């Protein structure tokens, strides 16, 4: 009995200690909950412009976090904040971003001012122009400063990631290859989603997988002054049905009044291969053959019986891909007087492909002149000549696909120096791909394209606010392709007859545009009229 009493006493003491511990933990959790609740509160407020008008769609973000809210039609917002000294960051398109400390306040009122010079900028809309403050259609602007921040070889790359709602897709990894731009989604029954490009008044269609079918590859992005992407129907209507997928207006640089300016820019970049596909090594390939023959029946070749003594085999991706350089040289001169301004530039671009058998070169020259012989007359001229050379062996001969499919047991070259191929003693090898390294070095597949763009425009200031313009623009393109297939015997693959194929293409475009425009401001009212004809 004494022993039982002792055990009972110890059990009671243990239970009392357990209850005390649980009570302490419950009290601590309650304190932490109250403390956390006390540090979290709800902030409400309004966002207005400097004239007191509510701003709908302004973004309110808690500084240092991803917590954010958007103002409604009345400019009001509500946001849950935490911390001792929270701060709000308020931003709105065309307005200066403000950071507002909240302190102990639960309500805030914020006034935003217009960004310096933003709303007074003049943007191009169709054949006319308008102040950004008066812009009512969906439109995105990309300036030359944004373009110069990154390395771009084509105009489509200059647009990529810089315009909301505009999707840019590279059609191939070929240097200088075509890039598709989708502005409004798939809106064409024939699958064509490319927008209409207008370069200094010349209308051009883009797209394609290679430079030979991508006429936009000729344009030097460093010559671009401004890109306007017209998305709204009211902005693109003047171009008719060809603007169903949107319009990309490209304005090239022009001279400015002042001293003679010369600018030389050189770039050299290293391009790295893309992520590799995971394929079998020679050891894994031999093990697979052993397991396959054990199930399907058959005899494993003697040289594959012991995978442990084999090396890695031929890494075809490593043989095909390597780091490649890209160099670009540009020289431009500009200047002018009160009467005449000029801009001239020349460019040389050499982009080697990371895959053997690919590459892209471009030579370009541009001259833009403006002259004002009379107060009521302005004359402008645009001239450009470009040539692109492209190596297409990699993309046209499926070299990359061959490198992924070919067995690691096939060498690049045999011991006798001949190109490696499928084993002639193994009938199954007659279906294996041809040595991709051999194809990339033996086959010649090139494309050359020359493009001339020219334009002459006259502007007459007839009266206050009344302007007449006429312009004549032309585009002349000429292309040529060369495909040479020599004789070869690579394993099971034999080409006993050599062939040479040459192709040529030409295109000529011209348009003549006349425009009469009247713009006047009456106090807070604006009046704009425009009549245009194009043939």
Protein backbone atom coordinates (compact mmCIF):
# COMPACT_ATOMS: atom_id res chain seq x y z
CA UNK A 1 0.00 0.00 0.00
CA UNK A 2 2.83 2.42 0.80
CA UNK A 3 4.32 1.69 -2.58
CA UNK A 4 1.00 2.41 -4.27
CA UNK A 5 0.61 5.69 -2.34
CA UNK A 6 4.08 6.75 -3.45
CA UNK A 7 3.32 6.05 -7.10
CA UNK A 8 0.00 7.91 -6.82
CA UNK A 9 1.74 10.95 -5.30
CA UNK A 10 4.36 11.08 -8.01
CA UNK A 11 1.62 10.83 -10.69
CA UNK A 12 -0.31 13.74 -9.18
CA UNK A 13 2.84 15.88 -9.08
CA UNK A 14 3.53 15.06 -12.74
CA UNK A 15 -0.03 16.01 -13.74
CA UNK A 16 0.18 19.33 -11.86
CA UNK A 17 3.46 20.20 -13.63
CA UNK A 18 1.91 19.26 -17.01
CA UNK A 19 -1.11 21.49 -16.40
CA UNK A 20 1.13 24.41 -15.42
CA UNK A 21 3.21 23.98 -18.61
CA UNK A 22 0.09 23.87 -20.79
CA UNK A 23 -1.29 26.99 -19.14
CA UNK A 24 1.99 28.84 -19.71
CA UNK A 25 2.06 27.85 -23.39
CA UNK A 26 -1.57 28.94 -23.85
CA UNK A 27 -0.81 32.31 -22.25
CA UNK A 28 2.25 32.78 -24.49
CA UNK A 29 0.28 31.96 -27.68
CA UNK A 30 -2.45 34.40 -26.64
CA UNK A 31 0.14 37.14 -26.10
CA UNK A 32 1.76 36.50 -29.50
CA UNK A 33 -1.65 36.58 -31.23
CA UNK A 34 -2.59 39.86 -29.55
CA UNK A 35 0.83 41.33 -30.41
CA UNK A 36 0.57 40.27 -34.07
CA UNK A 37 -2.98 41.57 -34.30
CA UNK A 38 -1.89 44.89 -32.86
CA UNK A 39 0.80 45.29 -35.57
CA UNK A 40 -1.60 44.63 -38.49
CA UNK A 41 -4.15 47.27 -39.50
CA UNK A 42 -6.24 48.42 -42.42
CA UNK A 43 -5.37 51.61 -44.29
CA UNK A 44 -7.86 53.41 -46.54
CA UNK A 45 -7.28 56.42 -48.73
CA UNK A 46 -7.75 58.24 -52.02
CA UNK A 47 -5.46 59.11 -54.93
CA UNK A 48 -6.08 62.28 -56.98
CA UNK A 49 -4.23 64.34 -59.58
CA UNK A 50 -2.95 67.84 -58.82
CA UNK A 51 -6.36 69.28 -59.78
CA UNK A 52 -8.26 67.09 -57.34
CA UNK A 53 -9.65 64.64 -59.90
CA UNK A 54 -9.72 61.00 -58.74
CA UNK A 55 -7.30 58.63 -60.47
CA UNK A 56 -8.80 55.25 -61.28
CA UNK A 57 -6.39 52.33 -61.67
CA UNK A 58 -3.51 53.78 -59.65
CA UNK A 59 -1.29 51.16 -58.01
CA UNK A 60 -0.74 51.35 -54.24
CA UNK A 61 2.04 49.08 -52.92
CA UNK A 62 3.28 48.52 -49.37
CA UNK A 63 6.99 49.34 -49.62
CA UNK A 64 9.29 46.35 -49.37
CA UNK A 65 6.49 43.81 -49.93
CA UNK A 66 4.35 42.43 -52.73
CA UNK A 67 1.12 43.57 -51.05
CA UNK A 68 -0.72 45.97 -53.32
CA UNK A 69 -4.13 47.44 -54.16
CA UNK A 70 -5.67 49.32 -57.10
CA UNK A 71 -7.84 52.41 -56.82
CA UNK A 72 -11.46 52.25 -57.98
CA UNK A 73 -13.38 54.75 -60.13
CA UNK A 74 -13.52 57.18 -57.19
CA UNK A 75 -9.76 56.94 -56.60
CA UNK A 76 -10.28 55.03 -53.33
CA UNK A 77 -8.27 52.07 -52.07
CA UNK A 78 -7.98 49.79 -49.06
CA UNK A 79 -4.86 47.93 -47.97
CA UNK A 80 -3.85 45.88 -44.94
CA UNK A 81 -0.43 46.93 -43.63
CA UNK A 82 1.90 45.74 -40.88
CA UNK A 83 4.99 47.07 -39.15
CA UNK A 84 5.74 50.10 -37.01
CA UNK A 85 6.47 52.64 -39.75
CA UNK A 86 4.86 51.42 -42.99
CA UNK A 87 5.17 53.41 -46.22
CA UNK A 88 3.06 53.31 -49.38
CA UNK A 89 4.36 53.64 -52.94
CA UNK A 90 1.75 55.09 -55.33
CA UNK A 91 2.26 54.94 -59.12
CA UNK A 92 0.15 55.84 -62.14
CA UNK A 93 0.87 55.97 -65.88
CA UNK A 94 2.05 59.44 -66.86
CA UNK A 95 2.39 60.55 -63.22
CA UNK A 96 5.36 60.87 -60.91
CA UNK A 97 5.62 57.98 -58.45
CA UNK A 98 5.30 59.02 -54.79
CA UNK A 99 6.33 57.36 -51.55
CA UNK A 100 4.09 58.29 -48.60
CA UNK A 101 4.89 57.35 -44.96
CA UNK A 102 1.75 56.23 -43.14
CA UNK A 103 2.89 56.56 -39.53
CA UNK A 104 0.00 56.02 -37.11
CA UNK A 105 -2.64 57.23 -39.58
CA UNK A 106 -5.36 54.90 -40.81
CA UNK A 107 -6.43 57.16 -43.70
CA UNK A 108 -4.26 58.89 -46.30
CA UNK A 109 -4.91 61.24 -49.20
CA UNK A 110 -2.33 61.40 -51.99
CA UNK A 111 -1.99 63.84 -54.88
CA UNK A 112 0.13 62.91 -57.92
CA UNK A 113 1.72 65.32 -60.37
CA UNK A 114 2.28 64.67 -64.07
CA UNK A 115 5.66 63.30 -65.11
CA UNK A 116 7.90 66.01 -66.50
CA UNK A 117 7.39 66.33 -70.25
CA UNK A 118 5.53 63.02 -70.57
CA UNK A 119 2.05 64.29 -71.38
CA UNK A 120 3.36 66.97 -73.71
CA UNK A 121 5.25 64.46 -75.87
CA UNK A 122 4.03 64.20 -79.44
CA UNK A 123 3.34 60.67 -80.66
CA UNK A 124 2.58 59.44 -84.17
CA UNK A 125 -0.94 58.15 -84.83
CA UNK A 126 -1.47 56.76 -88.31
CA UNK A 127 -0.59 59.54 -90.76
CA UNK A 128 -0.84 62.27 -88.14
CA UNK A 129 0.42 63.08 -84.66
CA UNK A 130 -1.12 64.03 -81.33
CA UNK A 131 0.01 65.07 -77.86
CA UNK A 132 0.21 62.15 -75.47
CA UNK A 133 -2.21 63.90 -73.10
CA UNK A 134 -4.86 63.82 -75.84
CA UNK A 135 -4.23 60.21 -76.83
CA UNK A 136 -7.41 58.15 -76.49
CA UNK A 137 -6.46 54.93 -78.29
CA UNK A 138 -4.42 51.91 -77.23
CA UNK A 139 -0.84 52.69 -78.20
CA UNK A 140 2.65 51.90 -76.90
CA UNK A 141 5.80 53.95 -77.48
CA UNK A 142 9.39 52.65 -77.43
CA UNK A 143 12.14 55.26 -77.50
CA UNK A 144 15.69 54.98 -78.78
CA UNK A 145 17.01 55.06 -75.19
CA UNK A 146 15.11 51.86 -74.40
CA UNK A 147 16.36 50.18 -77.58
CA UNK A 148 19.99 51.03 -76.84
CA UNK A 149 19.86 49.40 -73.39
CA UNK A 150 20.12 45.90 -74.88
CA UNK A 151 21.83 44.19 -77.81
CA UNK A 152 19.38 43.81 -80.71
CA UNK A 153 20.08 42.46 -84.18
CA UNK A 154 16.55 42.97 -85.54
CA UNK A 155 13.66 45.36 -84.95
CA UNK A 156 11.49 42.59 -83.47
CA UNK A 157 14.03 41.97 -80.71
CA UNK A 158 13.91 45.69 -79.91
CA UNK A 159 10.17 45.36 -79.24
CA UNK A 160 10.38 42.20 -77.13
CA UNK A 161 9.44 42.77 -73.48
CA UNK A 162 8.86 46.50 -73.91
CA UNK A 163 5.16 46.63 -74.81
CA UNK A 164 2.30 45.22 -72.74
CA UNK A 165 -0.07 42.95 -74.64
CA UNK A 166 2.48 42.41 -77.43
CA UNK A 167 3.80 38.85 -77.72
CA UNK A 168 7.12 38.28 -79.49
CA UNK A 169 8.07 34.73 -80.55
CA UNK A 170 11.29 33.67 -82.24
CA UNK A 171 10.47 31.32 -85.12
CA UNK A 172 13.89 29.64 -85.13
CA UNK A 173 17.29 29.84 -83.48
CA UNK A 174 18.85 30.83 -86.79
CA UNK A 175 20.89 34.07 -86.47
CA UNK A 176 18.90 36.83 -88.16
CA UNK A 177 15.88 34.52 -88.38
CA UNK A 178 12.31 35.73 -88.42
CA UNK A 179 10.42 36.68 -85.28
CA UNK A 180 6.62 36.72 -85.05
CA UNK A 181 4.79 39.54 -83.25
CA UNK A 182 1.23 39.08 -82.01
CA UNK A 183 -0.57 42.28 -80.97
CA UNK A 184 -4.26 41.39 -80.88
CA UNK A 185 -4.21 37.63 -80.60
CA UNK A 186 -5.10 35.22 -83.38
CA UNK A 187 -7.60 37.28 -85.39
CA UNK A 188 -7.04 35.95 -88.91
CA UNK A 189 -8.75 32.95 -90.49
CA UNK A 190 -5.60 32.12 -92.47
CA UNK A 191 -3.42 32.06 -89.36
CA UNK A 192 -1.43 35.20 -90.19
CA UNK A 193 -1.03 37.28 -87.04
CA UNK A 194 1.79 39.55 -88.20
CA UNK A 195 1.18 43.30 -87.84
CA UNK A 196 1.78 45.82 -90.58
CA UNK A 197 5.17 47.56 -90.35
CA UNK A 198 5.51 51.12 -91.63
CA UNK A 199 9.13 52.32 -91.79
CA UNK A 200 9.35 56.03 -92.63
CA UNK A 201 6.14 55.68 -94.65
CA UNK A 202 7.08 52.42 -96.42
CA UNK A 203 4.75 49.51 -95.61
CA UNK A 204 6.45 46.13 -95.05
CA UNK A 205 5.30 42.71 -93.93
CA UNK A 206 7.49 40.77 -91.47
CA UNK A 207 7.70 37.20 -90.20
CA UNK A 208 9.32 34.10 -91.66
CA UNK A 209 11.80 31.64 -90.21
CA UNK A 210 14.91 32.87 -91.98
CA UNK A 211 16.34 36.13 -93.21
CA UNK A 212 15.38 35.25 -96.78
CA UNK A 213 11.71 35.43 -95.76
CA UNK A 214 12.15 38.11 -93.10
CA UNK A 215 12.58 41.48 -94.84
CA UNK A 216 12.81 43.26 -91.48
CA UNK A 217 16.25 41.75 -90.80
CA UNK A 218 17.81 44.44 -93.00
CA UNK A 219 16.95 47.30 -90.62
CA UNK A 220 19.63 48.45 -88.17
CA UNK A 221 17.98 48.91 -84.72
CA UNK A 222 20.50 51.67 -83.88
CA UNK A 223 19.01 53.80 -86.68
CA UNK A 224 15.59 53.78 -85.00
CA UNK A 225 14.44 56.94 -83.27
CA UNK A 226 11.01 55.82 -82.17
CA UNK A 227 8.63 52.85 -82.39
CA UNK A 228 4.87 53.30 -82.04
CA UNK A 229 2.69 50.19 -81.69
CA UNK A 230 -0.90 51.00 -82.69
CA UNK A 231 -3.32 48.58 -81.05
CA UNK A 232 -6.67 50.38 -81.01
CA UNK A 233 -9.03 50.15 -84.01
CA UNK A 234 -9.34 53.94 -84.23
CA UNK A 235 -5.58 54.28 -84.72
CA UNK A 236 -5.22 51.50 -87.29
CA UNK A 237 -8.42 52.18 -89.26
CA UNK A 238 -6.70 54.48 -91.74
CA UNK A 239 -4.56 51.56 -92.98
CA UNK A 240 -7.59 49.43 -93.82
CA UNK A 241 -7.87 45.65 -93.67
CA UNK A 242 -4.10 45.12 -93.82
CA UNK A 243 -3.90 46.58 -90.29
CA UNK A 244 -6.21 43.94 -88.80
CA UNK A 245 -3.38 42.63 -86.61
CA UNK A 246 -2.15 46.07 -85.55
CA UNK A 247 0.45 48.48 -86.89
CA UNK A 248 4.09 49.06 -85.91
CA UNK A 249 5.28 52.54 -86.94
CA UNK A 250 9.06 52.93 -87.12
CA UNK A 251 10.67 56.36 -87.39
CA UNK A 252 14.40 56.51 -88.09
CA UNK A 253 16.81 59.09 -86.70
CA UNK A 254 17.17 62.49 -88.33
CA UNK A 255 19.71 65.27 -88.03
CA UNK A 256 19.44 68.13 -85.54
CA UNK A 257 20.52 71.73 -85.83
CA UNK A 258 23.98 72.23 -84.37
CA UNK A 259 27.63 71.32 -84.73
CA UNK A 260 28.90 68.36 -86.70
CA UNK A 261 28.63 65.19 -84.59
CA UNK A 262 30.39 61.91 -85.19
CA UNK A 263 29.70 58.73 -83.23
CA UNK A 264 31.45 55.36 -83.48
CA UNK A 265 30.09 52.39 -81.58
CA UNK A 266 31.63 48.92 -81.40
CA UNK A 267 30.21 45.88 -79.64
CA UNK A 268 31.54 42.38 -79.15
CA UNK A 269 29.43 39.72 -77.47
CA UNK A 270 29.80 36.04 -76.67
CA UNK A 271 26.78 33.83 -77.33
CA UNK A 272 26.39 30.58 -75.40
CA UNK A 273 24.61 27.40 -76.61
CA UNK A 274 21.10 26.61 -75.37
CA UNK A 275 20.31 24.01 -72.73
CA UNK A 276 21.33 20.53 -73.88
CA UNK A 277 18.98 17.59 -74.32
CA UNK A 278 19.69 14.68 -72.00
CA UNK A 279 20.72 11.73 -74.19
CA UNK A 280 22.44 8.38 -73.56
CA UNK A 281 26.17 7.99 -73.20
CA UNK A 282 27.88 5.03 -74.87
CA UNK A 283 27.83 3.08 -71.58
CA UNK A 284 24.09 3.67 -71.16
CA UNK A 285 23.51 2.79 -74.81
CA UNK A 286 25.37 -0.52 -74.40
CA UNK A 287 23.40 -1.37 -71.25
CA UNK A 288 20.16 -0.60 -73.08
CA UNK A 289 21.20 -2.96 -75.92
CA UNK A 290 21.91 -5.76 -73.42
CA UNK A 291 18.53 -5.36 -71.70
CA UNK A 292 16.68 -5.06 -75.00
CA UNK A 293 18.26 -8.19 -76.49
CA UNK A 294 17.48 -10.12 -73.30
CA UNK A 295 13.77 -9.38 -73.79
CA UNK A 296 13.41 -9.34 -77.58
CA UNK A 297 16.05 -11.93 -78.34
CA UNK A 298 19.18 -11.61 -80.40
CA UNK A 299 22.91 -11.39 -79.95
CA UNK A 300 24.62 -8.37 -78.41
CA UNK A 301 27.66 -7.15 -80.30
CA UNK A 302 30.91 -8.19 -78.68
CA UNK A 303 32.18 -4.63 -78.25
CA UNK A 304 29.05 -3.76 -76.21
CA UNK A 305 29.05 -6.77 -73.84
CA UNK A 306 30.87 -4.97 -71.00
CA UNK A 307 29.61 -1.34 -70.65
CA UNK A 308 32.04 -0.65 -67.78
CA UNK A 309 35.07 -0.60 -70.10
CA UNK A 310 33.46 1.84 -72.54
CA UNK A 311 33.94 5.59 -72.54
CA UNK A 312 31.30 8.28 -72.94
CA UNK A 313 31.19 7.89 -76.72
CA UNK A 314 30.45 10.73 -79.15
CA UNK A 315 28.62 13.69 -77.63
CA UNK A 316 27.03 15.02 -80.81
CA UNK A 317 25.62 18.12 -79.15
CA UNK A 318 29.05 19.00 -77.81
CA UNK A 319 30.51 18.53 -81.29
CA UNK A 320 27.82 20.69 -82.94
CA UNK A 321 27.41 23.53 -80.44
CA UNK A 322 30.04 25.95 -79.13
CA UNK A 323 30.35 29.53 -77.92
CA UNK A 324 30.13 32.01 -80.78
CA UNK A 325 31.06 35.66 -81.14
CA UNK A 326 29.03 38.56 -82.44
CA UNK A 327 30.63 41.86 -83.43
CA UNK A 328 28.98 45.07 -84.52
CA UNK A 329 30.49 48.31 -85.79
CA UNK A 330 28.45 51.46 -86.38
CA UNK A 331 29.55 54.91 -87.55
CA UNK A 332 27.13 57.84 -87.74
CA UNK A 333 27.46 61.55 -88.47
CA UNK A 334 24.81 64.22 -88.01
CA UNK A 335 24.36 67.96 -87.75
CA UNK A 336 22.98 70.86 -89.71
CA UNK A 337 22.04 74.51 -89.88
CA UNK A 338 18.73 76.33 -89.53
CA UNK A 339 17.91 75.44 -93.14
CA UNK A 340 19.36 71.94 -93.59
CA UNK A 341 19.91 68.97 -91.27
CA UNK A 342 21.38 65.54 -92.05
CA UNK A 343 21.93 62.11 -90.52
CA UNK A 344 24.12 59.42 -92.11
CA UNK A 345 25.13 56.04 -90.72
CA UNK A 346 26.89 52.84 -91.73
CA UNK A 347 26.85 49.47 -89.97
CA UNK A 348 28.61 46.12 -90.16
CA UNK A 349 27.22 43.18 -88.16
CA UNK A 350 28.75 39.69 -88.02
CA UNK A 351 26.85 37.17 -85.90
CA UNK A 352 28.25 33.65 -85.81
CA UNK A 353 25.81 30.90 -84.90
CA UNK A 354 26.33 28.71 -81.84
CA UNK A 355 25.56 25.74 -84.11
CA UNK A 356 28.04 24.85 -86.84
CA UNK A 357 26.82 25.83 -90.29
CA UNK A 358 24.89 28.95 -89.22
CA UNK A 359 25.69 32.66 -89.32
CA UNK A 360 24.38 36.09 -90.26
CA UNK A 361 26.04 39.22 -91.65
CA UNK A 362 24.55 42.64 -92.40
CA UNK A 363 25.89 45.72 -94.16
CA UNK A 364 23.73 48.84 -94.01
CA UNK A 365 23.90 52.49 -95.03
CA UNK A 366 21.35 55.23 -94.31
CA UNK A 367 21.04 58.92 -95.18
CA UNK A 368 18.21 61.19 -94.00
CA UNK A 369 18.11 64.83 -95.20
CA UNK A 370 15.78 67.70 -94.33
CA UNK A 371 15.77 71.12 -95.96
CA UNK A 372 13.60 74.20 -95.40
CA UNK A 373 14.16 76.56 -98.36
CA UNK A 374 11.10 78.68 -97.44
CA UNK A 375 9.16 79.30 -94.26
CA UNK A 376 6.16 77.58 -95.82
CA UNK A 377 8.02 74.64 -97.41
CA UNK A 378 9.95 71.69 -95.94
CA UNK A 379 11.60 68.98 -98.05
CA UNK A 380 12.70 65.62 -96.65
CA UNK A 381 14.48 62.62 -98.15
CA UNK A 382 15.15 59.11 -96.77
CA UNK A 383 17.60 56.74 -98.45
CA UNK A 384 18.87 53.39 -97.19
CA UNK A 385 20.67 50.40 -98.69
CA UNK A 386 21.19 47.11 -96.88
CA UNK A 387 22.60 43.68 -97.64
CA UNK A 388 22.30 40.54 -95.52
CA UNK A 389 24.19 37.26 -95.94
CA UNK A 390 22.99 34.16 -94.15
CA UNK A 391 24.22 30.58 -93.74
CA UNK A 392 21.22 28.25 -93.56
CA UNK A 393 22.78 24.77 -93.48
CA UNK A 394 21.92 24.14 -89.82
CA UNK A 395 18.24 25.06 -90.04
CA UNK A 396 17.49 23.77 -93.55
CA UNK A 397 19.28 20.40 -93.30
CA UNK A 398 17.90 19.40 -89.86
CA UNK A 399 21.41 19.23 -88.44
CA UNK A 400 20.29 19.73 -84.83
CA UNK A 401 17.69 16.94 -85.05
CA UNK A 402 20.33 14.60 -86.49
CA UNK A 403 22.69 15.41 -83.59
CA UNK A 404 20.04 14.47 -81.03
CA UNK A 405 19.05 11.23 -82.77
CA UNK A 406 22.43 9.80 -83.79
CA UNK A 407 23.91 7.00 -81.65
CA UNK A 408 26.92 7.81 -79.39
CA UNK A 409 28.76 4.75 -80.80
CA UNK A 410 29.21 6.50 -84.19
CA UNK A 411 32.44 8.57 -84.32
CA UNK A 412 32.68 11.99 -85.95
CA UNK A 413 35.54 10.63 -88.08
CA UNK A 414 36.90 7.13 -88.53
CA UNK A 415 40.53 6.19 -87.90
CA UNK A 416 41.25 6.52 -91.63
CA UNK A 417 40.04 10.14 -91.61
CA UNK A 418 36.73 9.50 -93.39
CA UNK A 419 33.48 10.80 -91.94
CA UNK A 420 31.93 8.45 -89.39
CA UNK A 421 28.57 6.87 -90.15
CA UNK A 422 26.35 3.88 -89.50
CA UNK A 423 28.13 0.50 -89.36
CA UNK A 424 27.88 -1.18 -92.77
CA UNK A 425 27.86 -4.63 -91.09
CA UNK A 426 24.76 -3.71 -89.08
CA UNK A 427 21.60 -3.53 -91.25
CA UNK A 428 19.78 -1.58 -88.53
CA UNK A 429 22.18 1.34 -89.03
CA UNK A 430 20.82 2.04 -92.50
CA UNK A 431 18.01 3.96 -90.80
CA UNK A 432 20.31 6.07 -88.59
CA UNK A 433 20.69 9.82 -89.32
CA UNK A 434 23.59 11.09 -91.40
CA UNK A 435 26.59 12.51 -89.55
CA UNK A 436 25.45 16.11 -88.72
CA UNK A 437 28.99 17.51 -88.51
CA UNK A 438 29.76 16.16 -91.97
CA UNK A 439 26.56 17.68 -93.40
CA UNK A 440 27.24 21.09 -91.83
CA UNK A 441 30.70 21.19 -93.43
CA UNK A 442 29.97 19.57 -96.79
CA UNK A 443 26.65 21.22 -97.73
CA UNK A 444 26.51 24.88 -98.77
CA UNK A 445 23.18 26.62 -98.17
CA UNK A 446 23.31 30.42 -98.24
CA UNK A 447 20.94 33.32 -98.77
CA UNK A 448 21.76 36.88 -99.82
CA UNK A 449 19.28 39.75 -99.82
CA UNK A 450 19.63 43.38 -100.89
CA UNK A 451 17.08 46.03 -99.97
CA UNK A 452 16.73 49.65 -101.04
CA UNK A 453 14.27 52.00 -99.34
CA UNK A 454 13.76 55.56 -100.47
CA UNK A 455 11.30 58.33 -99.83
CA UNK A 456 10.75 61.97 -100.79
CA UNK A 457 8.25 64.15 -98.92
CA UNK A 458 7.09 67.77 -99.16
CA UNK A 459 5.24 69.74 -96.50
CA UNK A 460 3.40 73.00 -97.21
CA UNK A 461 2.29 75.31 -94.39
CA UNK A 462 -0.73 76.87 -96.11
CA UNK A 463 -2.18 78.78 -93.15
CA UNK A 464 -2.20 78.73 -89.37
CA UNK A 465 -2.97 75.14 -88.40
CA UNK A 466 -3.44 74.07 -92.04
CA UNK A 467 -0.74 71.74 -93.44
CA UNK A 468 -0.55 69.81 -96.71
CA UNK A 469 1.89 66.91 -97.15
CA UNK A 470 2.75 64.69 -100.06
CA UNK A 471 5.20 61.79 -100.06
CA UNK A 472 6.47 59.24 -102.54
CA UNK A 473 8.05 56.09 -101.09
CA UNK A 474 9.53 52.99 -102.66
CA UNK A 475 11.06 49.68 -101.61
CA UNK A 476 13.06 47.46 -103.97
CA UNK A 477 14.29 44.06 -102.81
CA UNK A 478 16.37 41.39 -104.48
CA UNK A 479 17.29 38.02 -103.03
CA UNK A 480 19.28 34.97 -104.04
CA UNK A 481 19.77 31.50 -102.58
CA UNK A 482 22.45 28.89 -103.26
CA UNK A 483 22.24 25.21 -102.34
CA UNK A 484 25.19 22.94 -103.20
CA UNK A 485 25.02 19.25 -102.34
CA UNK A 486 28.30 17.39 -103.06
CA UNK A 487 28.80 13.67 -103.54
CA UNK A 488 29.55 11.73 -100.36
CA UNK A 489 29.49 8.26 -98.83
CA UNK A 490 28.94 8.37 -95.07
CA UNK A 491 28.15 4.93 -93.70
CA UNK A 492 24.92 3.72 -95.24
CA UNK A 493 24.12 7.18 -96.63
CA UNK A 494 25.42 7.73 -100.16
CA UNK A 495 24.88 10.71 -102.47
CA UNK A 496 26.33 9.75 -105.85
CA UNK A 497 25.27 12.88 -107.77
CA UNK A 498 26.25 16.41 -106.82
CA UNK A 499 23.72 19.21 -107.35
CA UNK A 500 23.71 23.00 -107.43
CA UNK A 501 20.48 24.97 -107.10
CA UNK A 502 20.23 28.75 -107.40
CA UNK A 503 17.11 30.79 -106.75
CA UNK A 504 16.29 34.47 -107.13
CA UNK A 505 13.45 36.71 -105.99
CA UNK A 506 12.52 40.33 -106.54
CA UNK A 507 9.91 42.64 -105.08
CA UNK A 508 9.02 46.25 -105.79
CA UNK A 509 6.69 48.39 -103.71
CA UNK A 510 5.77 52.05 -104.02
CA UNK A 511 3.13 54.35 -102.62
CA UNK A 512 2.13 57.95 -103.13
CA UNK A 513 0.33 59.67 -100.27
CA UNK A 514 -1.36 63.07 -100.08
CA UNK A 515 -2.62 64.51 -96.82
CA UNK A 516 -4.40 67.69 -95.76
CA UNK A 517 -4.54 68.32 -92.02
CA UNK A 518 -6.05 71.09 -89.88
CA UNK A 519 -5.40 71.43 -86.13
CA UNK A 520 -6.46 74.29 -83.85
CA UNK A 521 -6.79 74.80 -80.12
CA UNK A 522 -9.57 76.99 -78.72
CA UNK A 523 -8.99 77.34 -74.99
CA UNK A 524 -9.51 73.87 -73.57
CA UNK A 525 -10.88 72.54 -76.85
CA UNK A 526 -8.99 70.90 -79.71
CA UNK A 527 -10.17 70.57 -83.29
CA UNK A 528 -8.48 68.18 -85.69
CA UNK A 529 -9.49 67.38 -89.28
CA UNK A 530 -7.62 65.20 -91.76
CA UNK A 531 -8.19 64.15 -95.37
CA UNK A 532 -5.85 61.60 -96.93
CA UNK A 533 -5.45 59.69 -100.20
CA UNK A 534 -2.98 56.95 -100.99
CA UNK A 535 -2.19 55.01 -104.13
